[in-house]
Amino acid sequence: MTTTQESGEPGRIGAVAPRPAPPGDVAGVLARMRALDAALPAGDGVAVFNGVYLTVTEAVARRLGDGGFRDPAAAGELDVRFARRYFDAVDAAAGGLRPPACWRPLFQLRRHPGVHPLQFALAGINAHIGHDLALAVLDTCRALECEPAALEGDFDRVGGVLTSLEERIREQLMPGPDLLDIADPLTHLIGSWSLDKARDGAWVAARALWSVRRLPEVTEEFTERLDAGVGLVGRMLLTPLPG
C-alpha cells in the first residue's frame, strides 16, 4: 500500500509519531483541523489547504445543525469518513510514509517559493475531491449498509456548499486587489481546473467502484489508476510560476 512505504521525499510534517485516533463525528473533525491550523507554519502549502477545508467543514456543520440535509446522520457520516482520508495523508507524511499519489505533489511542493497559495488550495481540493470523495462514499455506504443512490441528494448538497465557497476562496487567495490579466500564467492555470467537473467525476467513480466491489482485483486497479490520474493533475496545478 502506498501509505506504508518508507518515504525519502521532502516535505514531511514532522518526526515519526503515533497517529491520532480518527475523529468519530464532525466536531472531532473540526477539532483536528483547528489543531493542524495552529500547528502548521504560515505559508505552508498543507496549511493553506487545511484552512480552506476548515472553512468548508464549518459551513457543512452549520447546515447539519440547521436541517440543511435530508439525512443529517448519513451526511455527517460521509463528512467524517471523507475527512479521515485527508488526515490519513497528513499522518502518513508526518510518520515518514508515502501518502497516496494524489496527495504527494502537495506534500512534496508545500514549501516551494514558486507556487502560489491558490495553487496549493486547488491541488488539495483536487486530491480530496478527485480521489478521496469517491472512496469516502464507498466507506459510508458500507458503514450504513446502503446504496450510493441513498446518499446522492446530500452528496449534491455538500457539493452546493463547496461551490458557494469556491469563488470566495479564489478571491481571497488571488494575488493583489485587481484581477489578473487573462494571459497571466496563474489565471490560465487555475482556469484549467473545475470543481464541478471534479465532483461529477467523483460521483461517477463512486458508482463504478460500488458496482465492482465484489471484484477485488478490478477494484484495486481502478482505485490505483484513479489515484495516479488525480496525482498527475495535482502535479500540473502545482507548476511553479514566475513572479
C-alpha atoms as a PDB file:
ATOM      1  CA  MET A   1       0.000   0.000   0.000  1.00  0.00           C
ATOM      2  CA  THR A   2       1.254   3.488  -0.770  1.00  0.00           C
ATOM      3  CA  THR A   3       0.856   4.710   2.775  1.00  0.00           C
ATOM      4  CA  THR A   4       3.108   2.080   4.328  1.00  0.00           C
ATOM      5  CA  GLN A   5       6.244   2.523   2.268  1.00  0.00           C
ATOM      6  CA  GLU A   6       9.225   4.467   3.556  1.00  0.00           C
ATOM      7  CA  SER A   7       9.449   7.962   2.163  1.00  0.00           C
ATOM      8  CA  GLY A   8      12.595   9.759   1.187  1.00  0.00           C
ATOM      9  CA  GLU A   9      10.582  12.672  -0.137  1.00  0.00           C
ATOM     10  CA  PRO A  10      10.940  16.237   1.141  1.00  0.00           C
ATOM     11  CA  GLY A  11       8.099  17.994   2.887  1.00  0.00           C
ATOM     12  CA  ARG A  12       7.395  15.771   5.861  1.00  0.00           C
ATOM     13  CA  ILE A  13       5.308  17.436   8.537  1.00  0.00           C
ATOM     14  CA  GLY A  14       7.447  16.214  11.397  1.00  0.00           C
ATOM     15  CA  ALA A  15       9.088  13.305  13.145  1.00  0.00           C
ATOM     16  CA  VAL A  16       7.569   9.852  13.399  1.00  0.00           C
ATOM     17  CA  ALA A  17       4.793   9.914  16.000  1.00  0.00           C
ATOM     18  CA  PRO A  18       1.749   7.826  16.904  1.00  0.00           C
ATOM     19  CA  ARG A  19      -1.245   8.627  14.744  1.00  0.00           C
ATOM     20  CA  PRO A  20      -4.101  10.433  16.484  1.00  0.00           C
ATOM     21  CA  ALA A  21      -7.319   8.478  16.833  1.00  0.00           C
ATOM     22  CA  PRO A  22      -9.602   9.061  13.849  1.00  0.00           C
ATOM     23  CA  PRO A  23     -12.426  11.510  14.607  1.00  0.00           C
ATOM     24  CA  GLY A  24     -15.814   9.951  15.221  1.00  0.00           C
ATOM     25  CA  ASP A  25     -18.018  12.937  14.466  1.00  0.00           C
ATOM     26  CA  VAL A  26     -17.979  16.326  12.767  1.00  0.00           C
ATOM     27  CA  ALA A  27     -16.975  18.060  15.995  1.00  0.00           C
ATOM     28  CA  GLY A  28     -13.921  15.800  16.134  1.00  0.00           C
ATOM     29  CA  VAL A  29     -13.109  16.611  12.513  1.00  0.00           C
ATOM     30  CA  LEU A  30     -13.251  20.338  13.264  1.00  0.00           C
ATOM     31  CA  ALA A  31     -11.079  19.913  16.352  1.00  0.00           C
ATOM     32  CA  ARG A  32      -8.396  18.080  14.372  1.00  0.00           C
ATOM     33  CA  MET A  33      -8.430  20.689  11.589  1.00  0.00           C
ATOM     34  CA  ARG A  34      -8.122  23.519  14.100  1.00  0.00           C
ATOM     35  CA  ALA A  35      -5.216  21.744  15.791  1.00  0.00           C
ATOM     36  CA  LEU A  36      -3.474  21.431  12.427  1.00  0.00           C
ATOM     37  CA  ASP A  37      -4.222  25.068  11.667  1.00  0.00           C
ATOM     38  CA  ALA A  38      -2.490  26.072  14.905  1.00  0.00           C
ATOM     39  CA  ALA A  39       0.484  23.745  14.395  1.00  0.00           C
ATOM     40  CA  LEU A  40       1.355  24.269  10.716  1.00  0.00           C
ATOM     41  CA  PRO A  41       3.585  27.207   9.780  1.00  0.00           C
ATOM     42  CA  ALA A  42       2.137  30.113   7.843  1.00  0.00           C
ATOM     43  CA  GLY A  43       2.734  29.790   4.117  1.00  0.00           C
ATOM     44  CA  ASP A  44       2.975  26.004   4.235  1.00  0.00           C
ATOM     45  CA  GLY A  45       1.003  24.557   1.313  1.00  0.00           C
ATOM     46  CA  VAL A  46      -0.736  21.992   3.512  1.00  0.00           C
ATOM     47  CA  ALA A  47      -1.691  24.783   5.930  1.00  0.00           C
ATOM     48  CA  VAL A  48      -3.270  26.713   3.045  1.00  0.00           C
ATOM     49  CA  PHE A  49      -5.426  23.738   2.065  1.00  0.00           C
ATOM     50  CA  ASN A  50      -6.256  22.943   5.692  1.00  0.00           C
ATOM     51  CA  GLY A  51      -7.550  26.483   6.180  1.00  0.00           C
ATOM     52  CA  VAL A  52      -9.794  26.148   3.129  1.00  0.00           C
ATOM     53  CA  TYR A  53     -11.042  22.746   4.244  1.00  0.00           C
ATOM     54  CA  LEU A  54     -11.753  24.070   7.735  1.00  0.00           C
ATOM     55  CA  THR A  55     -13.912  26.848   6.267  1.00  0.00           C
ATOM     56  CA  VAL A  56     -15.858  24.331   4.184  1.00  0.00           C
ATOM     57  CA  THR A  57     -16.353  21.938   7.106  1.00  0.00           C
ATOM     58  CA  GLU A  58     -17.581  24.732   9.352  1.00  0.00           C
ATOM     59  CA  ALA A  59     -20.159  25.587   6.683  1.00  0.00           C
ATOM     60  CA  VAL A  60     -21.225  21.939   6.423  1.00  0.00           C
ATOM     61  CA  ALA A  61     -21.513  21.711  10.226  1.00  0.00           C
ATOM     62  CA  ARG A  62     -23.808  24.747  10.267  1.00  0.00           C
ATOM     63  CA  ARG A  63     -26.033  23.182   7.631  1.00  0.00           C
ATOM     64  CA  LEU A  64     -26.127  19.919   9.588  1.00  0.00           C
ATOM     65  CA  GLY A  65     -27.323  21.870  12.604  1.00  0.00           C
ATOM     66  CA  ASP A  66     -29.848  23.896  10.620  1.00  0.00           C
ATOM     67  CA  GLY A  67     -31.537  20.938   8.941  1.00  0.00           C
ATOM     68  CA  GLY A  68     -29.927  21.605   5.580  1.00  0.00           C
ATOM     69  CA  PHE A  69     -29.547  17.904   4.776  1.00  0.00           C
ATOM     70  CA  ARG A  70     -32.227  15.320   4.056  1.00  0.00           C
ATOM     71  CA  ASP A  71     -30.470  12.727   6.233  1.00  0.00           C
ATOM     72  CA  PRO A  72     -28.175  14.542   8.703  1.00  0.00           C
ATOM     73  CA  ALA A  73     -26.810  11.287  10.137  1.00  0.00           C
ATOM     74  CA  ALA A  74     -25.746   9.994   6.707  1.00  0.00           C
ATOM     75  CA  ALA A  75     -24.357  13.397   5.668  1.00  0.00           C
ATOM     76  CA  GLY A  76     -22.377  13.579   8.900  1.00  0.00           C
ATOM     77  CA  GLU A  77     -21.042  10.066   8.370  1.00  0.00           C
ATOM     78  CA  LEU A  78     -19.909  10.984   4.862  1.00  0.00           C
ATOM     79  CA  ASP A  79     -18.261  14.170   6.124  1.00  0.00           C
ATOM     80  CA  VAL A  80     -16.325  12.265   8.801  1.00  0.00           C
ATOM     81  CA  ARG A  81     -15.181   9.450   6.536  1.00  0.00           C
ATOM     82  CA  PHE A  82     -14.217  11.968   3.874  1.00  0.00           C
ATOM     83  CA  ALA A  83     -12.083  13.947   6.345  1.00  0.00           C
ATOM     84  CA  ARG A  84     -10.403  10.820   7.663  1.00  0.00           C
ATOM     85  CA  ARG A  85      -8.805  10.235   4.271  1.00  0.00           C
ATOM     86  CA  TYR A  86      -7.198  13.675   4.409  1.00  0.00           C
ATOM     87  CA  PHE A  87      -5.999  13.045   7.957  1.00  0.00           C
ATOM     88  CA  ASP A  88      -4.580   9.689   6.841  1.00  0.00           C
ATOM     89  CA  ALA A  89      -2.499  11.505   4.222  1.00  0.00           C
ATOM     90  CA  VAL A  90      -1.311  14.061   6.807  1.00  0.00           C
ATOM     91  CA  ASP A  91      -0.412  11.327   9.283  1.00  0.00           C
ATOM     92  CA  ALA A  92       1.377   9.246   6.656  1.00  0.00           C
ATOM     93  CA  ALA A  93       3.584  12.198   5.724  1.00  0.00           C
ATOM     94  CA  ALA A  94       4.189  13.028   9.389  1.00  0.00           C
ATOM     95  CA  GLY A  95       5.211   9.435  10.027  1.00  0.00           C
ATOM     96  CA  GLY A  96       7.715   9.286   7.170  1.00  0.00           C
ATOM     97  CA  LEU A  97       5.404   7.214   4.978  1.00  0.00           C
ATOM     98  CA  ARG A  98       4.185   7.838   1.437  1.00  0.00           C
ATOM     99  CA  PRO A  99       0.694   9.314   1.206  1.00  0.00           C
ATOM    100  CA  PRO A 100      -1.488   8.313  -1.741  1.00  0.00           C
ATOM    101  CA  ALA A 101      -0.248   9.508  -5.134  1.00  0.00           C
ATOM    102  CA  CYS A 102      -2.984  12.143  -5.337  1.00  0.00           C
ATOM    103  CA  TRP A 103      -1.572  13.875  -2.235  1.00  0.00           C
ATOM    104  CA  ARG A 104       2.156  13.558  -2.942  1.00  0.00           C
ATOM    105  CA  PRO A 105       2.543  16.692  -5.099  1.00  0.00           C
ATOM    106  CA  LEU A 106       1.126  18.878  -2.317  1.00  0.00           C
ATOM    107  CA  PHE A 107       3.380  17.367   0.347  1.00  0.00           C
ATOM    108  CA  GLN A 108       6.437  17.447  -1.912  1.00  0.00           C
ATOM    109  CA  LEU A 109       5.990  21.068  -3.028  1.00  0.00           C
ATOM    110  CA  ARG A 110       4.374  22.521   0.083  1.00  0.00           C
ATOM    111  CA  ARG A 111       7.267  24.946   0.691  1.00  0.00           C
ATOM    112  CA  HIS A 112       8.189  25.738  -2.918  1.00  0.00           C
ATOM    113  CA  PRO A 113       8.580  29.530  -3.270  1.00  0.00           C
ATOM    114  CA  GLY A 114       7.335  29.498  -6.867  1.00  0.00           C
ATOM    115  CA  VAL A 115       3.929  28.003  -6.006  1.00  0.00           C
ATOM    116  CA  HIS A 116       1.121  30.426  -5.173  1.00  0.00           C
ATOM    117  CA  PRO A 117      -1.244  29.800  -2.222  1.00  0.00           C
ATOM    118  CA  LEU A 118      -4.192  29.422  -4.583  1.00  0.00           C
ATOM    119  CA  GLN A 119      -2.340  26.597  -6.340  1.00  0.00           C
ATOM    120  CA  PHE A 120      -1.837  24.828  -3.004  1.00  0.00           C
ATOM    121  CA  ALA A 121      -5.534  25.180  -2.226  1.00  0.00           C
ATOM    122  CA  LEU A 122      -6.666  23.840  -5.587  1.00  0.00           C
ATOM    123  CA  ALA A 123      -4.169  20.965  -5.505  1.00  0.00           C
ATOM    124  CA  GLY A 124      -5.509  19.875  -2.120  1.00  0.00           C
ATOM    125  CA  ILE A 125      -9.117  20.197  -3.262  1.00  0.00           C
ATOM    126  CA  ASN A 126      -8.242  18.221  -6.407  1.00  0.00           C
ATOM    127  CA  ALA A 127      -6.728  15.377  -4.363  1.00  0.00           C
ATOM    128  CA  HIS A 128      -9.545  15.307  -1.856  1.00  0.00           C
ATOM    129  CA  ILE A 129     -12.458  15.623  -4.287  1.00  0.00           C
ATOM    130  CA  GLY A 130     -10.960  13.757  -7.230  1.00  0.00           C
ATOM    131  CA  HIS A 131      -9.790  10.710  -5.263  1.00  0.00           C
ATOM    132  CA  ASP A 132     -10.886  10.699  -1.627  1.00  0.00           C
ATOM    133  CA  LEU A 133     -14.528  11.623  -2.125  1.00  0.00           C
ATOM    134  CA  ALA A 134     -15.346   8.570  -4.234  1.00  0.00           C
ATOM    135  CA  LEU A 135     -13.751   6.271  -1.661  1.00  0.00           C
ATOM    136  CA  ALA A 136     -15.485   8.071   1.194  1.00  0.00           C
ATOM    137  CA  VAL A 137     -18.843   7.413  -0.472  1.00  0.00           C
ATOM    138  CA  LEU A 138     -17.986   3.703  -0.524  1.00  0.00           C
ATOM    139  CA  ASP A 139     -16.843   3.813   3.104  1.00  0.00           C
ATOM    140  CA  THR A 140     -20.132   5.444   4.077  1.00  0.00           C
ATOM    141  CA  CYS A 141     -22.262   3.003   2.088  1.00  0.00           C
ATOM    142  CA  ARG A 142     -20.548   0.065   3.784  1.00  0.00           C
ATOM    143  CA  ALA A 143     -20.934   1.627   7.234  1.00  0.00           C
ATOM    144  CA  LEU A 144     -24.623   2.444   6.734  1.00  0.00           C
ATOM    145  CA  GLU A 145     -25.377  -0.619   4.594  1.00  0.00           C
ATOM    146  CA  CYS A 146     -26.920   1.466   1.860  1.00  0.00           C
ATOM    147  CA  GLU A 147     -26.524   2.042  -1.881  1.00  0.00           C
ATOM    148  CA  PRO A 148     -24.812   5.161  -3.247  1.00  0.00           C
ATOM    149  CA  ALA A 149     -28.186   6.387  -4.522  1.00  0.00           C
ATOM    150  CA  ALA A 150     -29.283   6.856  -0.900  1.00  0.00           C
ATOM    151  CA  LEU A 151     -26.517   9.440  -0.460  1.00  0.00           C
ATOM    152  CA  GLU A 152     -26.895  11.253  -3.775  1.00  0.00           C
ATOM    153  CA  GLY A 153     -29.139  14.076  -2.566  1.00  0.00           C
ATOM    154  CA  ASP A 154     -26.927  15.007   0.364  1.00  0.00           C
ATOM    155  CA  PHE A 155     -23.815  14.469  -1.770  1.00  0.00           C
ATOM    156  CA  ASP A 156     -25.180  17.197  -4.049  1.00  0.00           C
ATOM    157  CA  ARG A 157     -25.994  19.430  -1.079  1.00  0.00           C
ATOM    158  CA  VAL A 158     -22.403  19.172   0.170  1.00  0.00           C
ATOM    159  CA  GLY A 159     -21.324  19.993  -3.367  1.00  0.00           C
ATOM    160  CA  GLY A 160     -23.514  23.067  -3.227  1.00  0.00           C
ATOM    161  CA  VAL A 161     -21.674  24.248  -0.120  1.00  0.00           C
ATOM    162  CA  LEU A 162     -18.343  23.758  -1.888  1.00  0.00           C
ATOM    163  CA  THR A 163     -19.475  25.641  -4.971  1.00  0.00           C
ATOM    164  CA  SER A 164     -20.817  28.544  -2.932  1.00  0.00           C
ATOM    165  CA  LEU A 165     -17.450  28.941  -1.210  1.00  0.00           C
ATOM    166  CA  GLU A 166     -15.213  28.337  -4.236  1.00  0.00           C
ATOM    167  CA  GLU A 167     -15.371  31.850  -5.671  1.00  0.00           C
ATOM    168  CA  ARG A 168     -14.749  33.417  -2.282  1.00  0.00           C
ATOM    169  CA  ILE A 169     -11.736  31.164  -1.748  1.00  0.00           C
ATOM    170  CA  ARG A 170     -10.310  32.068  -5.153  1.00  0.00           C
ATOM    171  CA  GLU A 171     -10.767  35.784  -4.475  1.00  0.00           C
ATOM    172  CA  GLN A 172      -9.130  35.550  -1.044  1.00  0.00           C
ATOM    173  CA  LEU A 173      -6.079  33.716  -2.372  1.00  0.00           C
ATOM    174  CA  MET A 174      -5.583  35.583  -5.637  1.00  0.00           C
ATOM    175  CA  PRO A 175      -2.622  37.995  -5.558  1.00  0.00           C
ATOM    176  CA  GLY A 176      -3.271  41.710  -5.377  1.00  0.00           C
ATOM    177  CA  PRO A 177      -6.517  43.695  -5.341  1.00  0.00           C
ATOM    178  CA  ASP A 178      -7.015  43.589  -9.087  1.00  0.00           C
ATOM    179  CA  LEU A 179      -7.960  40.726 -11.336  1.00  0.00           C
ATOM    180  CA  LEU A 180      -5.041  39.157 -13.120  1.00  0.00           C
ATOM    181  CA  ASP A 181      -4.741  39.618 -16.840  1.00  0.00           C
ATOM    182  CA  ILE A 182      -6.287  36.781 -18.806  1.00  0.00           C
ATOM    183  CA  ALA A 183      -2.853  35.957 -20.235  1.00  0.00           C
ATOM    184  CA  ASP A 184      -1.265  35.636 -16.785  1.00  0.00           C
ATOM    185  CA  PRO A 185       0.043  32.071 -16.197  1.00  0.00           C
ATOM    186  CA  LEU A 186      -1.771  31.769 -12.849  1.00  0.00           C
ATOM    187  CA  THR A 187      -5.080  32.833 -14.408  1.00  0.00           C
ATOM    188  CA  HIS A 188      -4.601  30.265 -17.152  1.00  0.00           C
ATOM    189  CA  LEU A 189      -3.633  27.513 -14.699  1.00  0.00           C
ATOM    190  CA  ILE A 190      -6.497  27.934 -12.262  1.00  0.00           C
ATOM    191  CA  GLY A 191      -8.956  28.276 -15.121  1.00  0.00           C
ATOM    192  CA  SER A 192      -7.997  24.819 -16.355  1.00  0.00           C
ATOM    193  CA  TRP A 193      -9.492  23.051 -13.301  1.00  0.00           C
ATOM    194  CA  SER A 194     -13.177  22.791 -12.398  1.00  0.00           C
ATOM    195  CA  LEU A 195     -14.626  21.885  -9.019  1.00  0.00           C
ATOM    196  CA  ASP A 196     -17.959  20.913 -10.563  1.00  0.00           C
ATOM    197  CA  LYS A 197     -16.314  18.539 -13.025  1.00  0.00           C
ATOM    198  CA  ALA A 198     -14.149  17.025 -10.292  1.00  0.00           C
ATOM    199  CA  ARG A 199     -17.228  16.464  -8.127  1.00  0.00           C
ATOM    200  CA  ASP A 200     -19.159  14.911 -11.023  1.00  0.00           C
ATOM    201  CA  GLY A 201     -16.209  12.632 -11.720  1.00  0.00           C
ATOM    202  CA  ALA A 202     -16.070  11.595  -8.064  1.00  0.00           C
ATOM    203  CA  TRP A 203     -19.722  10.543  -8.125  1.00  0.00           C
ATOM    204  CA  VAL A 204     -19.224   8.509 -11.313  1.00  0.00           C
ATOM    205  CA  ALA A 205     -16.123   6.873  -9.795  1.00  0.00           C
ATOM    206  CA  ALA A 206     -18.018   6.034  -6.604  1.00  0.00           C
ATOM    207  CA  ARG A 207     -20.818   4.359  -8.552  1.00  0.00           C
ATOM    208  CA  ALA A 208     -18.326   2.441 -10.681  1.00  0.00           C
ATOM    209  CA  LEU A 209     -16.377   1.244  -7.653  1.00  0.00           C
ATOM    210  CA  TRP A 210     -19.585   0.207  -5.906  1.00  0.00           C
ATOM    211  CA  SER A 211     -20.647  -1.819  -8.933  1.00  0.00           C
ATOM    212  CA  VAL A 212     -17.352  -3.788  -8.933  1.00  0.00           C
ATOM    213  CA  ARG A 213     -16.949  -4.042  -5.149  1.00  0.00           C
ATOM    214  CA  ARG A 214     -17.102  -7.840  -5.255  1.00  0.00           C
ATOM    215  CA  LEU A 215     -14.247  -7.944  -7.798  1.00  0.00           C
ATOM    216  CA  PRO A 216     -11.228  -7.069  -5.647  1.00  0.00           C
ATOM    217  CA  GLU A 217      -8.653  -7.082  -8.442  1.00  0.00           C
ATOM    218  CA  VAL A 218     -10.747  -4.742 -10.589  1.00  0.00           C
ATOM    219  CA  THR A 219     -11.448  -2.505  -7.577  1.00  0.00           C
ATOM    220  CA  GLU A 220      -7.765  -2.292  -6.707  1.00  0.00           C
ATOM    221  CA  GLU A 221      -6.703  -1.468 -10.262  1.00  0.00           C
ATOM    222  CA  PHE A 222      -9.445   1.139 -10.681  1.00  0.00           C
ATOM    223  CA  THR A 223      -8.519   2.773  -7.366  1.00  0.00           C
ATOM    224  CA  GLU A 224      -4.806   2.842  -8.185  1.00  0.00           C
ATOM    225  CA  ARG A 225      -5.405   4.393 -11.597  1.00  0.00           C
ATOM    226  CA  LEU A 226      -7.784   6.960 -10.123  1.00  0.00           C
ATOM    227  CA  ASP A 227      -5.146   7.844  -7.532  1.00  0.00           C
ATOM    228  CA  ALA A 228      -2.400   8.184 -10.145  1.00  0.00           C
ATOM    229  CA  GLY A 229      -4.537  10.245 -12.520  1.00  0.00           C
ATOM    230  CA  VAL A 230      -5.605  12.695  -9.825  1.00  0.00           C
ATOM    231  CA  GLY A 231      -1.980  12.940  -8.692  1.00  0.00           C
ATOM    232  CA  LEU A 232      -0.925  13.902 -12.216  1.00  0.00           C
ATOM    233  CA  VAL A 233      -3.481  16.718 -12.273  1.00  0.00           C
ATOM    234  CA  GLY A 234      -2.221  17.868  -8.876  1.00  0.00           C
ATOM    235  CA  ARG A 235       1.340  17.979 -10.155  1.00  0.00           C
ATOM    236  CA  MET A 236       0.230  20.220 -13.027  1.00  0.00           C
ATOM    237  CA  LEU A 237      -1.725  22.519 -10.707  1.00  0.00           C
ATOM    238  CA  LEU A 238       1.454  22.993  -8.641  1.00  0.00           C
ATOM    239  CA  THR A 239       3.619  24.050 -11.591  1.00  0.00           C
ATOM    240  CA  PRO A 240       5.960  26.752 -10.186  1.00  0.00           C
ATOM    241  CA  LEU A 241       5.245  30.110 -11.793  1.00  0.00           C
ATOM    242  CA  PRO A 242       7.440  33.183 -12.259  1.00  0.00           C
ATOM    243  CA  GLY A 243       6.869  36.213 -10.094  1.00  0.00           C
END
